C-alpha atoms as a PDB file:
ATOM      1  CA  MET A   1     128.173 147.507  71.498  1.00  0.00           C
ATOM      2  CA  ARG A   2     131.320 145.713  70.570  1.00  0.00           C
ATOM      3  CA  ILE A   3     130.780 143.199  73.427  1.00  0.00           C
ATOM      4  CA  PHE A   4     127.317 142.410  72.328  1.00  0.00           C
ATOM      5  CA  LEU A   5     128.379 141.862  68.721  1.00  0.00           C
ATOM      6  CA  LEU A   6     131.227 139.610  69.947  1.00  0.00           C
ATOM      7  CA  ALA A   7     128.822 137.620  72.110  1.00  0.00           C
ATOM      8  CA  LEU A   8     126.509 137.191  69.187  1.00  0.00           C
ATOM      9  CA  VAL A   9     129.380 135.924  66.893  1.00  0.00           C
ATOM     10  CA  VAL A  10     130.474 133.561  69.493  1.00  0.00           C
ATOM     11  CA  ALA A  11     127.017 132.232  70.101  1.00  0.00           C
ATOM     12  CA  THR A  12     126.485 131.778  66.443  1.00  0.00           C
ATOM     13  CA  ALA A  13     129.760 129.883  66.132  1.00  0.00           C
ATOM     14  CA  LEU A  14     129.099 127.626  69.121  1.00  0.00           C
ATOM     15  CA  SER A  15     125.664 126.718  67.813  1.00  0.00           C
ATOM     16  CA  GLY A  16     126.976 125.863  64.388  1.00  0.00           C
ATOM     17  CA  ILE A  17     129.695 123.602  65.993  1.00  0.00           C
ATOM     18  CA  ALA A  18     127.120 121.929  68.257  1.00  0.00           C
ATOM     19  CA  ALA A  19     124.760 121.308  65.325  1.00  0.00           C
ATOM     20  CA  SER A  20     127.490 119.759  63.331  1.00  0.00           C
ATOM     21  CA  VAL A  21     128.669 117.450  66.062  1.00  0.00           C
ATOM     22  CA  LEU A  22     125.102 116.301  66.846  1.00  0.00           C
ATOM     23  CA  ASP A  23     124.351 115.585  63.207  1.00  0.00           C
ATOM     24  CA  SER A  24     127.560 113.668  62.609  1.00  0.00           C
ATOM     25  CA  SER A  25     127.651 111.410  65.693  1.00  0.00           C
ATOM     26  CA  TYR A  26     124.741 111.460  68.142  1.00  0.00           C
ATOM     27  CA  GLN A  27     121.488 111.655  66.225  1.00  0.00           C
ATOM     28  CA  LYS A  28     119.801 108.847  64.474  1.00  0.00           C
ATOM     29  CA  GLN A  29     116.914 108.708  61.990  1.00  0.00           C
ATOM     30  CA  ALA A  30     113.498 107.715  63.612  1.00  0.00           C
ATOM     31  CA  TYR A  31     113.367 104.356  61.725  1.00  0.00           C
ATOM     32  CA  GLN A  32     116.882 103.486  63.143  1.00  0.00           C
ATOM     33  CA  ALA A  33     116.197 104.549  66.734  1.00  0.00           C
ATOM     34  CA  PHE A  34     112.730 102.826  67.062  1.00  0.00           C
ATOM     35  CA  SER A  35     113.251  99.652  65.231  1.00  0.00           C
ATOM     36  CA  THR A  36     113.020  96.266  66.810  1.00  0.00           C
ATOM     37  CA  GLY A  37     114.207  92.875  65.536  1.00  0.00           C
ATOM     38  CA  GLY A  38     111.072  90.980  66.591  1.00  0.00           C
ATOM     39  CA  ALA A  39     108.494  93.115  64.727  1.00  0.00           C
ATOM     40  CA  ARG A  40     106.297  91.142  62.342  1.00  0.00           C
ATOM     41  CA  VAL A  41     104.930  93.096  59.503  1.00  0.00           C
ATOM     42  CA  GLY A  42     102.723  91.111  57.063  1.00  0.00           C
ATOM     43  CA  ASP A  43      99.176  89.860  56.549  1.00  0.00           C
ATOM     44  CA  ALA A  44      97.352  90.482  59.852  1.00  0.00           C
ATOM     45  CA  GLY A  45      94.286  88.448  58.836  1.00  0.00           C
ATOM     46  CA  ASN A  46      90.626  89.448  59.037  1.00  0.00           C
ATOM     47  CA  ASN A  47      90.022  89.502  62.780  1.00  0.00           C
ATOM     48  CA  LEU A  48      92.757  90.644  65.036  1.00  0.00           C
ATOM     49  CA  VAL A  49      91.049  89.752  68.250  1.00  0.00           C
ATOM     50  CA  GLY A  50      89.767  86.259  67.559  1.00  0.00           C
ATOM     51  CA  LYS A  51      86.499  84.576  67.408  1.00  0.00           C
ATOM     52  CA  ASP A  52      85.910  84.597  71.149  1.00  0.00           C
ATOM     53  CA  TRP A  53      85.980  88.336  71.549  1.00  0.00           C
ATOM     54  CA  PRO A  54      82.521  89.733  72.566  1.00  0.00           C
ATOM     55  CA  SER A  55      82.251  92.241  69.741  1.00  0.00           C
ATOM     56  CA  ALA A  56      83.039  89.542  67.149  1.00  0.00           C
ATOM     57  CA  ARG A  57      79.840  87.623  67.978  1.00  0.00           C
ATOM     58  CA  HIS A  58      76.902  88.712  65.951  1.00  0.00           C
END
């Protein structure tokens, strides 16, 4: 029983150390990891496909 409790304490300590290392140095927020410099965000206009698109003709 002592071995099991010791293994439980060691596993808990290792998981805490791993979580603190990952949070401090390796992980990024989603907006930082998936951002690009060429993304244009603004007024997209009325018709995104253009006037020559078949479904745009009425």
